[in-house]
Amino acid sequence: AKGVVIDAARNALAKGEPKLVRIS
């Protein structure tokens, strides 16, 4: 999950908005 989480977190930082992510 690490790679997905890092990419999603950096994207949230770039947009300045929170998000909910599902890995499944």
PDBML (XML) file of the C-alpha atoms, coordinates in Angstrom:
<?xml version="1.0" encoding="UTF-8" ?>
<PDBx:datablock datablockName="MODEL"
   xmlns:PDBx="http://pdbml.pdb.org/schema/pdbx-v50.xsd"
   xmlns:xsi="http://www.w3.org/2001/XMLSchema-instance"
   xsi:schemaLocation="http://pdbml.pdb.org/schema/pdbx-v50.xsd pdbx-v50.xsd">
   <PDBx:atom_siteCategory>
      <PDBx:atom_site id="1">
         <PDBx:B_iso_or_equiv>0.00</PDBx:B_iso_or_equiv>
         <PDBx:Cartn_x>0.000</PDBx:Cartn_x>
         <PDBx:Cartn_y>0.000</PDBx:Cartn_y>
         <PDBx:Cartn_z>0.000</PDBx:Cartn_z>
         <PDBx:auth_asym_id>A</PDBx:auth_asym_id>
         <PDBx:auth_atom_id>CA</PDBx:auth_atom_id>
         <PDBx:auth_comp_id>ALA</PDBx:auth_comp_id>
         <PDBx:auth_seq_id>1</PDBx:auth_seq_id>
         <PDBx:group_PDB>ATOM</PDBx:group_PDB>
         <PDBx:label_alt_id xsi:nil="true" />
         <PDBx:label_asym_id>A</PDBx:label_asym_id>
         <PDBx:label_atom_id>CA</PDBx:label_atom_id>
         <PDBx:label_comp_id>ALA</PDBx:label_comp_id>
         <PDBx:label_entity_id>1</PDBx:label_entity_id>
         <PDBx:label_seq_id>1</PDBx:label_seq_id>
         <PDBx:occupancy>1.00</PDBx:occupancy>
         <PDBx:pdbx_PDB_model_num>1</PDBx:pdbx_PDB_model_num>
         <PDBx:type_symbol>C</PDBx:type_symbol>
      </PDBx:atom_site>
      <PDBx:atom_site id="2">
         <PDBx:B_iso_or_equiv>0.00</PDBx:B_iso_or_equiv>
         <PDBx:Cartn_x>2.938</PDBx:Cartn_x>
         <PDBx:Cartn_y>2.326</PDBx:Cartn_y>
         <PDBx:Cartn_z>0.568</PDBx:Cartn_z>
         <PDBx:auth_asym_id>A</PDBx:auth_asym_id>
         <PDBx:auth_atom_id>CA</PDBx:auth_atom_id>
         <PDBx:auth_comp_id>LYS</PDBx:auth_comp_id>
         <PDBx:auth_seq_id>2</PDBx:auth_seq_id>
         <PDBx:group_PDB>ATOM</PDBx:group_PDB>
         <PDBx:label_alt_id xsi:nil="true" />
         <PDBx:label_asym_id>A</PDBx:label_asym_id>
         <PDBx:label_atom_id>CA</PDBx:label_atom_id>
         <PDBx:label_comp_id>LYS</PDBx:label_comp_id>
         <PDBx:label_entity_id>1</PDBx:label_entity_id>
         <PDBx:label_seq_id>2</PDBx:label_seq_id>
         <PDBx:occupancy>1.00</PDBx:occupancy>
         <PDBx:pdbx_PDB_model_num>1</PDBx:pdbx_PDB_model_num>
         <PDBx:type_symbol>C</PDBx:type_symbol>
      </PDBx:atom_site>
      <PDBx:atom_site id="3">
         <PDBx:B_iso_or_equiv>0.00</PDBx:B_iso_or_equiv>
         <PDBx:Cartn_x>3.403</PDBx:Cartn_x>
         <PDBx:Cartn_y>3.519</PDBx:Cartn_y>
         <PDBx:Cartn_z>-3.009</PDBx:Cartn_z>
         <PDBx:auth_asym_id>A</PDBx:auth_asym_id>
         <PDBx:auth_atom_id>CA</PDBx:auth_atom_id>
         <PDBx:auth_comp_id>GLY</PDBx:auth_comp_id>
         <PDBx:auth_seq_id>3</PDBx:auth_seq_id>
         <PDBx:group_PDB>ATOM</PDBx:group_PDB>
         <PDBx:label_alt_id xsi:nil="true" />
         <PDBx:label_asym_id>A</PDBx:label_asym_id>
         <PDBx:label_atom_id>CA</PDBx:label_atom_id>
         <PDBx:label_comp_id>GLY</PDBx:label_comp_id>
         <PDBx:label_entity_id>1</PDBx:label_entity_id>
         <PDBx:label_seq_id>3</PDBx:label_seq_id>
         <PDBx:occupancy>1.00</PDBx:occupancy>
         <PDBx:pdbx_PDB_model_num>1</PDBx:pdbx_PDB_model_num>
         <PDBx:type_symbol>C</PDBx:type_symbol>
      </PDBx:atom_site>
      <PDBx:atom_site id="4">
         <PDBx:B_iso_or_equiv>0.00</PDBx:B_iso_or_equiv>
         <PDBx:Cartn_x>-0.288</PDBx:Cartn_x>
         <PDBx:Cartn_y>4.217</PDBx:Cartn_y>
         <PDBx:Cartn_z>-3.497</PDBx:Cartn_z>
         <PDBx:auth_asym_id>A</PDBx:auth_asym_id>
         <PDBx:auth_atom_id>CA</PDBx:auth_atom_id>
         <PDBx:auth_comp_id>VAL</PDBx:auth_comp_id>
         <PDBx:auth_seq_id>4</PDBx:auth_seq_id>
         <PDBx:group_PDB>ATOM</PDBx:group_PDB>
         <PDBx:label_alt_id xsi:nil="true" />
         <PDBx:label_asym_id>A</PDBx:label_asym_id>
         <PDBx:label_atom_id>CA</PDBx:label_atom_id>
         <PDBx:label_comp_id>VAL</PDBx:label_comp_id>
         <PDBx:label_entity_id>1</PDBx:label_entity_id>
         <PDBx:label_seq_id>4</PDBx:label_seq_id>
         <PDBx:occupancy>1.00</PDBx:occupancy>
         <PDBx:pdbx_PDB_model_num>1</PDBx:pdbx_PDB_model_num>
         <PDBx:type_symbol>C</PDBx:type_symbol>
      </PDBx:atom_site>
      <PDBx:atom_site id="5">
         <PDBx:B_iso_or_equiv>0.00</PDBx:B_iso_or_equiv>
         <PDBx:Cartn_x>-0.520</PDBx:Cartn_x>
         <PDBx:Cartn_y>6.095</PDBx:Cartn_y>
         <PDBx:Cartn_z>-0.193</PDBx:Cartn_z>
         <PDBx:auth_asym_id>A</PDBx:auth_asym_id>
         <PDBx:auth_atom_id>CA</PDBx:auth_atom_id>
         <PDBx:auth_comp_id>VAL</PDBx:auth_comp_id>
         <PDBx:auth_seq_id>5</PDBx:auth_seq_id>
         <PDBx:group_PDB>ATOM</PDBx:group_PDB>
         <PDBx:label_alt_id xsi:nil="true" />
         <PDBx:label_asym_id>A</PDBx:label_asym_id>
         <PDBx:label_atom_id>CA</PDBx:label_atom_id>
         <PDBx:label_comp_id>VAL</PDBx:label_comp_id>
         <PDBx:label_entity_id>1</PDBx:label_entity_id>
         <PDBx:label_seq_id>5</PDBx:label_seq_id>
         <PDBx:occupancy>1.00</PDBx:occupancy>
         <PDBx:pdbx_PDB_model_num>1</PDBx:pdbx_PDB_model_num>
         <PDBx:type_symbol>C</PDBx:type_symbol>
      </PDBx:atom_site>
      <PDBx:atom_site id="6">
         <PDBx:B_iso_or_equiv>0.00</PDBx:B_iso_or_equiv>
         <PDBx:Cartn_x>2.497</PDBx:Cartn_x>
         <PDBx:Cartn_y>8.264</PDBx:Cartn_y>
         <PDBx:Cartn_z>-0.958</PDBx:Cartn_z>
         <PDBx:auth_asym_id>A</PDBx:auth_asym_id>
         <PDBx:auth_atom_id>CA</PDBx:auth_atom_id>
         <PDBx:auth_comp_id>ILE</PDBx:auth_comp_id>
         <PDBx:auth_seq_id>6</PDBx:auth_seq_id>
         <PDBx:group_PDB>ATOM</PDBx:group_PDB>
         <PDBx:label_alt_id xsi:nil="true" />
         <PDBx:label_asym_id>A</PDBx:label_asym_id>
         <PDBx:label_atom_id>CA</PDBx:label_atom_id>
         <PDBx:label_comp_id>ILE</PDBx:label_comp_id>
         <PDBx:label_entity_id>1</PDBx:label_entity_id>
         <PDBx:label_seq_id>6</PDBx:label_seq_id>
         <PDBx:occupancy>1.00</PDBx:occupancy>
         <PDBx:pdbx_PDB_model_num>1</PDBx:pdbx_PDB_model_num>
         <PDBx:type_symbol>C</PDBx:type_symbol>
      </PDBx:atom_site>
      <PDBx:atom_site id="7">
         <PDBx:B_iso_or_equiv>0.00</PDBx:B_iso_or_equiv>
         <PDBx:Cartn_x>1.193</PDBx:Cartn_x>
         <PDBx:Cartn_y>9.199</PDBx:Cartn_y>
         <PDBx:Cartn_z>-4.413</PDBx:Cartn_z>
         <PDBx:auth_asym_id>A</PDBx:auth_asym_id>
         <PDBx:auth_atom_id>CA</PDBx:auth_atom_id>
         <PDBx:auth_comp_id>ASP</PDBx:auth_comp_id>
         <PDBx:auth_seq_id>7</PDBx:auth_seq_id>
         <PDBx:group_PDB>ATOM</PDBx:group_PDB>
         <PDBx:label_alt_id xsi:nil="true" />
         <PDBx:label_asym_id>A</PDBx:label_asym_id>
         <PDBx:label_atom_id>CA</PDBx:label_atom_id>
         <PDBx:label_comp_id>ASP</PDBx:label_comp_id>
         <PDBx:label_entity_id>1</PDBx:label_entity_id>
         <PDBx:label_seq_id>7</PDBx:label_seq_id>
         <PDBx:occupancy>1.00</PDBx:occupancy>
         <PDBx:pdbx_PDB_model_num>1</PDBx:pdbx_PDB_model_num>
         <PDBx:type_symbol>C</PDBx:type_symbol>
      </PDBx:atom_site>
      <PDBx:atom_site id="8">
         <PDBx:B_iso_or_equiv>0.00</PDBx:B_iso_or_equiv>
         <PDBx:Cartn_x>-2.287</PDBx:Cartn_x>
         <PDBx:Cartn_y>9.951</PDBx:Cartn_y>
         <PDBx:Cartn_z>-3.056</PDBx:Cartn_z>
         <PDBx:auth_asym_id>A</PDBx:auth_asym_id>
         <PDBx:auth_atom_id>CA</PDBx:auth_atom_id>
         <PDBx:auth_comp_id>ALA</PDBx:auth_comp_id>
         <PDBx:auth_seq_id>8</PDBx:auth_seq_id>
         <PDBx:group_PDB>ATOM</PDBx:group_PDB>
         <PDBx:label_alt_id xsi:nil="true" />
         <PDBx:label_asym_id>A</PDBx:label_asym_id>
         <PDBx:label_atom_id>CA</PDBx:label_atom_id>
         <PDBx:label_comp_id>ALA</PDBx:label_comp_id>
         <PDBx:label_entity_id>1</PDBx:label_entity_id>
         <PDBx:label_seq_id>8</PDBx:label_seq_id>
         <PDBx:occupancy>1.00</PDBx:occupancy>
         <PDBx:pdbx_PDB_model_num>1</PDBx:pdbx_PDB_model_num>
         <PDBx:type_symbol>C</PDBx:type_symbol>
      </PDBx:atom_site>
      <PDBx:atom_site id="9">
         <PDBx:B_iso_or_equiv>0.00</PDBx:B_iso_or_equiv>
         <PDBx:Cartn_x>-0.880</PDBx:Cartn_x>
         <PDBx:Cartn_y>12.023</PDBx:Cartn_y>
         <PDBx:Cartn_z>-0.185</PDBx:Cartn_z>
         <PDBx:auth_asym_id>A</PDBx:auth_asym_id>
         <PDBx:auth_atom_id>CA</PDBx:auth_atom_id>
         <PDBx:auth_comp_id>ALA</PDBx:auth_comp_id>
         <PDBx:auth_seq_id>9</PDBx:auth_seq_id>
         <PDBx:group_PDB>ATOM</PDBx:group_PDB>
         <PDBx:label_alt_id xsi:nil="true" />
         <PDBx:label_asym_id>A</PDBx:label_asym_id>
         <PDBx:label_atom_id>CA</PDBx:label_atom_id>
         <PDBx:label_comp_id>ALA</PDBx:label_comp_id>
         <PDBx:label_entity_id>1</PDBx:label_entity_id>
         <PDBx:label_seq_id>9</PDBx:label_seq_id>
         <PDBx:occupancy>1.00</PDBx:occupancy>
         <PDBx:pdbx_PDB_model_num>1</PDBx:pdbx_PDB_model_num>
         <PDBx:type_symbol>C</PDBx:type_symbol>
      </PDBx:atom_site>
      <PDBx:atom_site id="10">
         <PDBx:B_iso_or_equiv>0.00</PDBx:B_iso_or_equiv>
         <PDBx:Cartn_x>1.337</PDBx:Cartn_x>
         <PDBx:Cartn_y>14.093</PDBx:Cartn_y>
         <PDBx:Cartn_z>-2.494</PDBx:Cartn_z>
         <PDBx:auth_asym_id>A</PDBx:auth_asym_id>
         <PDBx:auth_atom_id>CA</PDBx:auth_atom_id>
         <PDBx:auth_comp_id>ARG</PDBx:auth_comp_id>
         <PDBx:auth_seq_id>10</PDBx:auth_seq_id>
         <PDBx:group_PDB>ATOM</PDBx:group_PDB>
         <PDBx:label_alt_id xsi:nil="true" />
         <PDBx:label_asym_id>A</PDBx:label_asym_id>
         <PDBx:label_atom_id>CA</PDBx:label_atom_id>
         <PDBx:label_comp_id>ARG</PDBx:label_comp_id>
         <PDBx:label_entity_id>1</PDBx:label_entity_id>
         <PDBx:label_seq_id>10</PDBx:label_seq_id>
         <PDBx:occupancy>1.00</PDBx:occupancy>
         <PDBx:pdbx_PDB_model_num>1</PDBx:pdbx_PDB_model_num>
         <PDBx:type_symbol>C</PDBx:type_symbol>
      </PDBx:atom_site>
      <PDBx:atom_site id="11">
         <PDBx:B_iso_or_equiv>0.00</PDBx:B_iso_or_equiv>
         <PDBx:Cartn_x>-1.649</PDBx:Cartn_x>
         <PDBx:Cartn_y>14.697</PDBx:Cartn_y>
         <PDBx:Cartn_z>-4.736</PDBx:Cartn_z>
         <PDBx:auth_asym_id>A</PDBx:auth_asym_id>
         <PDBx:auth_atom_id>CA</PDBx:auth_atom_id>
         <PDBx:auth_comp_id>ASN</PDBx:auth_comp_id>
         <PDBx:auth_seq_id>11</PDBx:auth_seq_id>
         <PDBx:group_PDB>ATOM</PDBx:group_PDB>
         <PDBx:label_alt_id xsi:nil="true" />
         <PDBx:label_asym_id>A</PDBx:label_asym_id>
         <PDBx:label_atom_id>CA</PDBx:label_atom_id>
         <PDBx:label_comp_id>ASN</PDBx:label_comp_id>
         <PDBx:label_entity_id>1</PDBx:label_entity_id>
         <PDBx:label_seq_id>11</PDBx:label_seq_id>
         <PDBx:occupancy>1.00</PDBx:occupancy>
         <PDBx:pdbx_PDB_model_num>1</PDBx:pdbx_PDB_model_num>
         <PDBx:type_symbol>C</PDBx:type_symbol>
      </PDBx:atom_site>
      <PDBx:atom_site id="12">
         <PDBx:B_iso_or_equiv>0.00</PDBx:B_iso_or_equiv>
         <PDBx:Cartn_x>-3.683</PDBx:Cartn_x>
         <PDBx:Cartn_y>15.873</PDBx:Cartn_y>
         <PDBx:Cartn_z>-1.726</PDBx:Cartn_z>
         <PDBx:auth_asym_id>A</PDBx:auth_asym_id>
         <PDBx:auth_atom_id>CA</PDBx:auth_atom_id>
         <PDBx:auth_comp_id>ALA</PDBx:auth_comp_id>
         <PDBx:auth_seq_id>12</PDBx:auth_seq_id>
         <PDBx:group_PDB>ATOM</PDBx:group_PDB>
         <PDBx:label_alt_id xsi:nil="true" />
         <PDBx:label_asym_id>A</PDBx:label_asym_id>
         <PDBx:label_atom_id>CA</PDBx:label_atom_id>
         <PDBx:label_comp_id>ALA</PDBx:label_comp_id>
         <PDBx:label_entity_id>1</PDBx:label_entity_id>
         <PDBx:label_seq_id>12</PDBx:label_seq_id>
         <PDBx:occupancy>1.00</PDBx:occupancy>
         <PDBx:pdbx_PDB_model_num>1</PDBx:pdbx_PDB_model_num>
         <PDBx:type_symbol>C</PDBx:type_symbol>
      </PDBx:atom_site>
      <PDBx:atom_site id="13">
         <PDBx:B_iso_or_equiv>0.00</PDBx:B_iso_or_equiv>
         <PDBx:Cartn_x>-0.849</PDBx:Cartn_x>
         <PDBx:Cartn_y>18.212</PDBx:Cartn_y>
         <PDBx:Cartn_z>-0.783</PDBx:Cartn_z>
         <PDBx:auth_asym_id>A</PDBx:auth_asym_id>
         <PDBx:auth_atom_id>CA</PDBx:auth_atom_id>
         <PDBx:auth_comp_id>LEU</PDBx:auth_comp_id>
         <PDBx:auth_seq_id>13</PDBx:auth_seq_id>
         <PDBx:group_PDB>ATOM</PDBx:group_PDB>
         <PDBx:label_alt_id xsi:nil="true" />
         <PDBx:label_asym_id>A</PDBx:label_asym_id>
         <PDBx:label_atom_id>CA</PDBx:label_atom_id>
         <PDBx:label_comp_id>LEU</PDBx:label_comp_id>
         <PDBx:label_entity_id>1</PDBx:label_entity_id>
         <PDBx:label_seq_id>13</PDBx:label_seq_id>
         <PDBx:occupancy>1.00</PDBx:occupancy>
         <PDBx:pdbx_PDB_model_num>1</PDBx:pdbx_PDB_model_num>
         <PDBx:type_symbol>C</PDBx:type_symbol>
      </PDBx:atom_site>
      <PDBx:atom_site id="14">
         <PDBx:B_iso_or_equiv>0.00</PDBx:B_iso_or_equiv>
         <PDBx:Cartn_x>-0.696</PDBx:Cartn_x>
         <PDBx:Cartn_y>19.630</PDBx:Cartn_y>
         <PDBx:Cartn_z>-4.305</PDBx:Cartn_z>
         <PDBx:auth_asym_id>A</PDBx:auth_asym_id>
         <PDBx:auth_atom_id>CA</PDBx:auth_atom_id>
         <PDBx:auth_comp_id>ALA</PDBx:auth_comp_id>
         <PDBx:auth_seq_id>14</PDBx:auth_seq_id>
         <PDBx:group_PDB>ATOM</PDBx:group_PDB>
         <PDBx:label_alt_id xsi:nil="true" />
         <PDBx:label_asym_id>A</PDBx:label_asym_id>
         <PDBx:label_atom_id>CA</PDBx:label_atom_id>
         <PDBx:label_comp_id>ALA</PDBx:label_comp_id>
         <PDBx:label_entity_id>1</PDBx:label_entity_id>
         <PDBx:label_seq_id>14</PDBx:label_seq_id>
         <PDBx:occupancy>1.00</PDBx:occupancy>
         <PDBx:pdbx_PDB_model_num>1</PDBx:pdbx_PDB_model_num>
         <PDBx:type_symbol>C</PDBx:type_symbol>
      </PDBx:atom_site>
      <PDBx:atom_site id="15">
         <PDBx:B_iso_or_equiv>0.00</PDBx:B_iso_or_equiv>
         <PDBx:Cartn_x>-4.429</PDBx:Cartn_x>
         <PDBx:Cartn_y>20.380</PDBx:Cartn_y>
         <PDBx:Cartn_z>-4.277</PDBx:Cartn_z>
         <PDBx:auth_asym_id>A</PDBx:auth_asym_id>
         <PDBx:auth_atom_id>CA</PDBx:auth_atom_id>
         <PDBx:auth_comp_id>LYS</PDBx:auth_comp_id>
         <PDBx:auth_seq_id>15</PDBx:auth_seq_id>
         <PDBx:group_PDB>ATOM</PDBx:group_PDB>
         <PDBx:label_alt_id xsi:nil="true" />
         <PDBx:label_asym_id>A</PDBx:label_asym_id>
         <PDBx:label_atom_id>CA</PDBx:label_atom_id>
         <PDBx:label_comp_id>LYS</PDBx:label_comp_id>
         <PDBx:label_entity_id>1</PDBx:label_entity_id>
         <PDBx:label_seq_id>15</PDBx:label_seq_id>
         <PDBx:occupancy>1.00</PDBx:occupancy>
         <PDBx:pdbx_PDB_model_num>1</PDBx:pdbx_PDB_model_num>
         <PDBx:type_symbol>C</PDBx:type_symbol>
      </PDBx:atom_site>
      <PDBx:atom_site id="16">
         <PDBx:B_iso_or_equiv>0.00</PDBx:B_iso_or_equiv>
         <PDBx:Cartn_x>-4.619</PDBx:Cartn_x>
         <PDBx:Cartn_y>21.345</PDBx:Cartn_y>
         <PDBx:Cartn_z>-0.619</PDBx:Cartn_z>
         <PDBx:auth_asym_id>A</PDBx:auth_asym_id>
         <PDBx:auth_atom_id>CA</PDBx:auth_atom_id>
         <PDBx:auth_comp_id>GLY</PDBx:auth_comp_id>
         <PDBx:auth_seq_id>16</PDBx:auth_seq_id>
         <PDBx:group_PDB>ATOM</PDBx:group_PDB>
         <PDBx:label_alt_id xsi:nil="true" />
         <PDBx:label_asym_id>A</PDBx:label_asym_id>
         <PDBx:label_atom_id>CA</PDBx:label_atom_id>
         <PDBx:label_comp_id>GLY</PDBx:label_comp_id>
         <PDBx:label_entity_id>1</PDBx:label_entity_id>
         <PDBx:label_seq_id>16</PDBx:label_seq_id>
         <PDBx:occupancy>1.00</PDBx:occupancy>
         <PDBx:pdbx_PDB_model_num>1</PDBx:pdbx_PDB_model_num>
         <PDBx:type_symbol>C</PDBx:type_symbol>
      </PDBx:atom_site>
      <PDBx:atom_site id="17">
         <PDBx:B_iso_or_equiv>0.00</PDBx:B_iso_or_equiv>
         <PDBx:Cartn_x>-7.712</PDBx:Cartn_x>
         <PDBx:Cartn_y>19.187</PDBx:Cartn_y>
         <PDBx:Cartn_z>-0.134</PDBx:Cartn_z>
         <PDBx:auth_asym_id>A</PDBx:auth_asym_id>
         <PDBx:auth_atom_id>CA</PDBx:auth_atom_id>
         <PDBx:auth_comp_id>GLU</PDBx:auth_comp_id>
         <PDBx:auth_seq_id>17</PDBx:auth_seq_id>
         <PDBx:group_PDB>ATOM</PDBx:group_PDB>
         <PDBx:label_alt_id xsi:nil="true" />
         <PDBx:label_asym_id>A</PDBx:label_asym_id>
         <PDBx:label_atom_id>CA</PDBx:label_atom_id>
         <PDBx:label_comp_id>GLU</PDBx:label_comp_id>
         <PDBx:label_entity_id>1</PDBx:label_entity_id>
         <PDBx:label_seq_id>17</PDBx:label_seq_id>
         <PDBx:occupancy>1.00</PDBx:occupancy>
         <PDBx:pdbx_PDB_model_num>1</PDBx:pdbx_PDB_model_num>
         <PDBx:type_symbol>C</PDBx:type_symbol>
      </PDBx:atom_site>
      <PDBx:atom_site id="18">
         <PDBx:B_iso_or_equiv>0.00</PDBx:B_iso_or_equiv>
         <PDBx:Cartn_x>-8.385</PDBx:Cartn_x>
         <PDBx:Cartn_y>16.061</PDBx:Cartn_y>
         <PDBx:Cartn_z>1.978</PDBx:Cartn_z>
         <PDBx:auth_asym_id>A</PDBx:auth_asym_id>
         <PDBx:auth_atom_id>CA</PDBx:auth_atom_id>
         <PDBx:auth_comp_id>PRO</PDBx:auth_comp_id>
         <PDBx:auth_seq_id>18</PDBx:auth_seq_id>
         <PDBx:group_PDB>ATOM</PDBx:group_PDB>
         <PDBx:label_alt_id xsi:nil="true" />
         <PDBx:label_asym_id>A</PDBx:label_asym_id>
         <PDBx:label_atom_id>CA</PDBx:label_atom_id>
         <PDBx:label_comp_id>PRO</PDBx:label_comp_id>
         <PDBx:label_entity_id>1</PDBx:label_entity_id>
         <PDBx:label_seq_id>18</PDBx:label_seq_id>
         <PDBx:occupancy>1.00</PDBx:occupancy>
         <PDBx:pdbx_PDB_model_num>1</PDBx:pdbx_PDB_model_num>
         <PDBx:type_symbol>C</PDBx:type_symbol>
      </PDBx:atom_site>
      <PDBx:atom_site id="19">
         <PDBx:B_iso_or_equiv>0.00</PDBx:B_iso_or_equiv>
         <PDBx:Cartn_x>-9.402</PDBx:Cartn_x>
         <PDBx:Cartn_y>12.783</PDBx:Cartn_y>
         <PDBx:Cartn_z>0.397</PDBx:Cartn_z>
         <PDBx:auth_asym_id>A</PDBx:auth_asym_id>
         <PDBx:auth_atom_id>CA</PDBx:auth_atom_id>
         <PDBx:auth_comp_id>LYS</PDBx:auth_comp_id>
         <PDBx:auth_seq_id>19</PDBx:auth_seq_id>
         <PDBx:group_PDB>ATOM</PDBx:group_PDB>
         <PDBx:label_alt_id xsi:nil="true" />
         <PDBx:label_asym_id>A</PDBx:label_asym_id>
         <PDBx:label_atom_id>CA</PDBx:label_atom_id>
         <PDBx:label_comp_id>LYS</PDBx:label_comp_id>
         <PDBx:label_entity_id>1</PDBx:label_entity_id>
         <PDBx:label_seq_id>19</PDBx:label_seq_id>
         <PDBx:occupancy>1.00</PDBx:occupancy>
         <PDBx:pdbx_PDB_model_num>1</PDBx:pdbx_PDB_model_num>
         <PDBx:type_symbol>C</PDBx:type_symbol>
      </PDBx:atom_site>
      <PDBx:atom_site id="20">
         <PDBx:B_iso_or_equiv>0.00</PDBx:B_iso_or_equiv>
         <PDBx:Cartn_x>-10.639</PDBx:Cartn_x>
         <PDBx:Cartn_y>9.288</PDBx:Cartn_y>
         <PDBx:Cartn_z>1.217</PDBx:Cartn_z>
         <PDBx:auth_asym_id>A</PDBx:auth_asym_id>
         <PDBx:auth_atom_id>CA</PDBx:auth_atom_id>
         <PDBx:auth_comp_id>LEU</PDBx:auth_comp_id>
         <PDBx:auth_seq_id>20</PDBx:auth_seq_id>
         <PDBx:group_PDB>ATOM</PDBx:group_PDB>
         <PDBx:label_alt_id xsi:nil="true" />
         <PDBx:label_asym_id>A</PDBx:label_asym_id>
         <PDBx:label_atom_id>CA</PDBx:label_atom_id>
         <PDBx:label_comp_id>LEU</PDBx:label_comp_id>
         <PDBx:label_entity_id>1</PDBx:label_entity_id>
         <PDBx:label_seq_id>20</PDBx:label_seq_id>
         <PDBx:occupancy>1.00</PDBx:occupancy>
         <PDBx:pdbx_PDB_model_num>1</PDBx:pdbx_PDB_model_num>
         <PDBx:type_symbol>C</PDBx:type_symbol>
      </PDBx:atom_site>
      <PDBx:atom_site id="21">
         <PDBx:B_iso_or_equiv>0.00</PDBx:B_iso_or_equiv>
         <PDBx:Cartn_x>-8.744</PDBx:Cartn_x>
         <PDBx:Cartn_y>6.444</PDBx:Cartn_y>
         <PDBx:Cartn_z>-0.457</PDBx:Cartn_z>
         <PDBx:auth_asym_id>A</PDBx:auth_asym_id>
         <PDBx:auth_atom_id>CA</PDBx:auth_atom_id>
         <PDBx:auth_comp_id>VAL</PDBx:auth_comp_id>
         <PDBx:auth_seq_id>21</PDBx:auth_seq_id>
         <PDBx:group_PDB>ATOM</PDBx:group_PDB>
         <PDBx:label_alt_id xsi:nil="true" />
         <PDBx:label_asym_id>A</PDBx:label_asym_id>
         <PDBx:label_atom_id>CA</PDBx:label_atom_id>
         <PDBx:label_comp_id>VAL</PDBx:label_comp_id>
         <PDBx:label_entity_id>1</PDBx:label_entity_id>
         <PDBx:label_seq_id>21</PDBx:label_seq_id>
         <PDBx:occupancy>1.00</PDBx:occupancy>
         <PDBx:pdbx_PDB_model_num>1</PDBx:pdbx_PDB_model_num>
         <PDBx:type_symbol>C</PDBx:type_symbol>
      </PDBx:atom_site>
      <PDBx:atom_site id="22">
         <PDBx:B_iso_or_equiv>0.00</PDBx:B_iso_or_equiv>
         <PDBx:Cartn_x>-9.665</PDBx:Cartn_x>
         <PDBx:Cartn_y>2.760</PDBx:Cartn_y>
         <PDBx:Cartn_z>-0.771</PDBx:Cartn_z>
         <PDBx:auth_asym_id>A</PDBx:auth_asym_id>
         <PDBx:auth_atom_id>CA</PDBx:auth_atom_id>
         <PDBx:auth_comp_id>ARG</PDBx:auth_comp_id>
         <PDBx:auth_seq_id>22</PDBx:auth_seq_id>
         <PDBx:group_PDB>ATOM</PDBx:group_PDB>
         <PDBx:label_alt_id xsi:nil="true" />
         <PDBx:label_asym_id>A</PDBx:label_asym_id>
         <PDBx:label_atom_id>CA</PDBx:label_atom_id>
         <PDBx:label_comp_id>ARG</PDBx:label_comp_id>
         <PDBx:label_entity_id>1</PDBx:label_entity_id>
         <PDBx:label_seq_id>22</PDBx:label_seq_id>
         <PDBx:occupancy>1.00</PDBx:occupancy>
         <PDBx:pdbx_PDB_model_num>1</PDBx:pdbx_PDB_model_num>
         <PDBx:type_symbol>C</PDBx:type_symbol>
      </PDBx:atom_site>
      <PDBx:atom_site id="23">
         <PDBx:B_iso_or_equiv>0.00</PDBx:B_iso_or_equiv>
         <PDBx:Cartn_x>-7.072</PDBx:Cartn_x>
         <PDBx:Cartn_y>0.133</PDBx:Cartn_y>
         <PDBx:Cartn_z>-1.711</PDBx:Cartn_z>
         <PDBx:auth_asym_id>A</PDBx:auth_asym_id>
         <PDBx:auth_atom_id>CA</PDBx:auth_atom_id>
         <PDBx:auth_comp_id>ILE</PDBx:auth_comp_id>
         <PDBx:auth_seq_id>23</PDBx:auth_seq_id>
         <PDBx:group_PDB>ATOM</PDBx:group_PDB>
         <PDBx:label_alt_id xsi:nil="true" />
         <PDBx:label_asym_id>A</PDBx:label_asym_id>
         <PDBx:label_atom_id>CA</PDBx:label_atom_id>
         <PDBx:label_comp_id>ILE</PDBx:label_comp_id>
         <PDBx:label_entity_id>1</PDBx:label_entity_id>
         <PDBx:label_seq_id>23</PDBx:label_seq_id>
         <PDBx:occupancy>1.00</PDBx:occupancy>
         <PDBx:pdbx_PDB_model_num>1</PDBx:pdbx_PDB_model_num>
         <PDBx:type_symbol>C</PDBx:type_symbol>
      </PDBx:atom_site>
      <PDBx:atom_site id="24">
         <PDBx:B_iso_or_equiv>0.00</PDBx:B_iso_or_equiv>
         <PDBx:Cartn_x>-8.849</PDBx:Cartn_x>
         <PDBx:Cartn_y>-3.089</PDBx:Cartn_y>
         <PDBx:Cartn_z>-2.638</PDBx:Cartn_z>
         <PDBx:auth_asym_id>A</PDBx:auth_asym_id>
         <PDBx:auth_atom_id>CA</PDBx:auth_atom_id>
         <PDBx:auth_comp_id>SER</PDBx:auth_comp_id>
         <PDBx:auth_seq_id>24</PDBx:auth_seq_id>
         <PDBx:group_PDB>ATOM</PDBx:group_PDB>
         <PDBx:label_alt_id xsi:nil="true" />
         <PDBx:label_asym_id>A</PDBx:label_asym_id>
         <PDBx:label_atom_id>CA</PDBx:label_atom_id>
         <PDBx:label_comp_id>SER</PDBx:label_comp_id>
         <PDBx:label_entity_id>1</PDBx:label_entity_id>
         <PDBx:label_seq_id>24</PDBx:label_seq_id>
         <PDBx:occupancy>1.00</PDBx:occupancy>
         <PDBx:pdbx_PDB_model_num>1</PDBx:pdbx_PDB_model_num>
         <PDBx:type_symbol>C</PDBx:type_symbol>
      </PDBx:atom_site>
   </PDBx:atom_siteCategory>
</PDBx:datablock>
